[in-house]
Amino acid sequence: MTENKNLRQHGEVITWVMTEEERLEYIKKHPIIPTEEPQTKLQVFPMNDWM
C-alpha cells in the first residue's frame, strides 16, 4: 500500500556547505557565460489579448 502523504507540506531542507577551494573549483568547471541579448520571458497569454 502507498502512504497517504500531504503534498502541500514542504520537504526537508538539506544544507550543502563547500569550502572556498571547492567553490572556486566548481566555478572553474561551470562558468557563467553572459549572453549578448537577455532572454525574453515566456508569456502564455500575451498582455494585448487581455483587454
C-alpha atoms as a PDB file:
ATOM      1  CA  MET A   1       0.000   0.000   0.000  1.00  0.00           C
ATOM      2  CA  THR A   2       1.180   3.536  -0.662  1.00  0.00           C
ATOM      3  CA  GLU A   3       1.447   6.155   2.040  1.00  0.00           C
ATOM      4  CA  ASN A   4      -1.099   8.918   2.122  1.00  0.00           C
ATOM      5  CA  LYS A   5       1.240  11.944   2.023  1.00  0.00           C
ATOM      6  CA  ASN A   6       0.216  15.570   2.278  1.00  0.00           C
ATOM      7  CA  LEU A   7       1.745  17.024  -0.893  1.00  0.00           C
ATOM      8  CA  ARG A   8       1.261  20.604   0.308  1.00  0.00           C
ATOM      9  CA  GLN A   9       3.856  20.259   3.053  1.00  0.00           C
ATOM     10  CA  HIS A  10       7.429  21.235   2.310  1.00  0.00           C
ATOM     11  CA  GLY A  11      10.149  18.601   2.298  1.00  0.00           C
ATOM     12  CA  GLU A  12      13.216  18.502   4.476  1.00  0.00           C
ATOM     13  CA  VAL A  13      15.811  21.204   3.776  1.00  0.00           C
ATOM     14  CA  ILE A  14      19.356  19.918   3.324  1.00  0.00           C
ATOM     15  CA  THR A  15      22.154  22.492   3.608  1.00  0.00           C
ATOM     16  CA  TRP A  16      25.192  21.784   1.465  1.00  0.00           C
ATOM     17  CA  VAL A  17      28.408  23.518   2.529  1.00  0.00           C
ATOM     18  CA  MET A  18      31.600  23.671   0.486  1.00  0.00           C
ATOM     19  CA  THR A  19      34.986  25.137   1.239  1.00  0.00           C
ATOM     20  CA  GLU A  20      36.313  28.178  -0.617  1.00  0.00           C
ATOM     21  CA  GLU A  21      38.638  25.932  -2.660  1.00  0.00           C
ATOM     22  CA  GLU A  22      35.740  23.662  -3.657  1.00  0.00           C
ATOM     23  CA  ARG A  23      33.651  26.697  -4.598  1.00  0.00           C
ATOM     24  CA  LEU A  24      36.403  28.141  -6.816  1.00  0.00           C
ATOM     25  CA  GLU A  25      36.936  24.748  -8.453  1.00  0.00           C
ATOM     26  CA  TYR A  26      33.194  24.455  -9.121  1.00  0.00           C
ATOM     27  CA  ILE A  27      33.144  27.928 -10.700  1.00  0.00           C
ATOM     28  CA  LYS A  28      36.054  26.945 -12.974  1.00  0.00           C
ATOM     29  CA  LYS A  29      34.177  23.830 -14.129  1.00  0.00           C
ATOM     30  CA  HIS A  30      30.814  25.609 -14.503  1.00  0.00           C
ATOM     31  CA  PRO A  31      31.437  29.230 -15.515  1.00  0.00           C
ATOM     32  CA  ILE A  32      28.598  31.685 -16.008  1.00  0.00           C
ATOM     33  CA  ILE A  33      28.739  32.790 -19.631  1.00  0.00           C
ATOM     34  CA  PRO A  34      26.820  36.033 -20.277  1.00  0.00           C
ATOM     35  CA  THR A  35      24.789  36.258 -23.471  1.00  0.00           C
ATOM     36  CA  GLU A  36      24.618  39.243 -25.797  1.00  0.00           C
ATOM     37  CA  GLU A  37      20.845  39.602 -25.507  1.00  0.00           C
ATOM     38  CA  PRO A  38      18.773  38.878 -22.419  1.00  0.00           C
ATOM     39  CA  GLN A  39      16.335  36.021 -22.762  1.00  0.00           C
ATOM     40  CA  THR A  40      12.707  37.001 -23.164  1.00  0.00           C
ATOM     41  CA  LYS A  41      10.197  35.607 -20.740  1.00  0.00           C
ATOM     42  CA  LEU A  42       7.580  33.203 -21.995  1.00  0.00           C
ATOM     43  CA  GLN A  43       4.108  34.732 -21.953  1.00  0.00           C
ATOM     44  CA  VAL A  44       1.374  32.136 -22.002  1.00  0.00           C
ATOM     45  CA  PHE A  45      -1.292  34.797 -22.527  1.00  0.00           C
ATOM     46  CA  PRO A  46       0.043  37.925 -24.255  1.00  0.00           C
ATOM     47  CA  MET A  47      -0.895  41.159 -22.491  1.00  0.00           C
ATOM     48  CA  ASN A  48      -2.602  42.700 -25.557  1.00  0.00           C
ATOM     49  CA  ASP A  49      -5.179  39.869 -25.550  1.00  0.00           C
ATOM     50  CA  TRP A  50      -6.338  40.673 -22.012  1.00  0.00           C
ATOM     51  CA  MET A  51      -8.329  43.797 -22.875  1.00  0.00           C
END
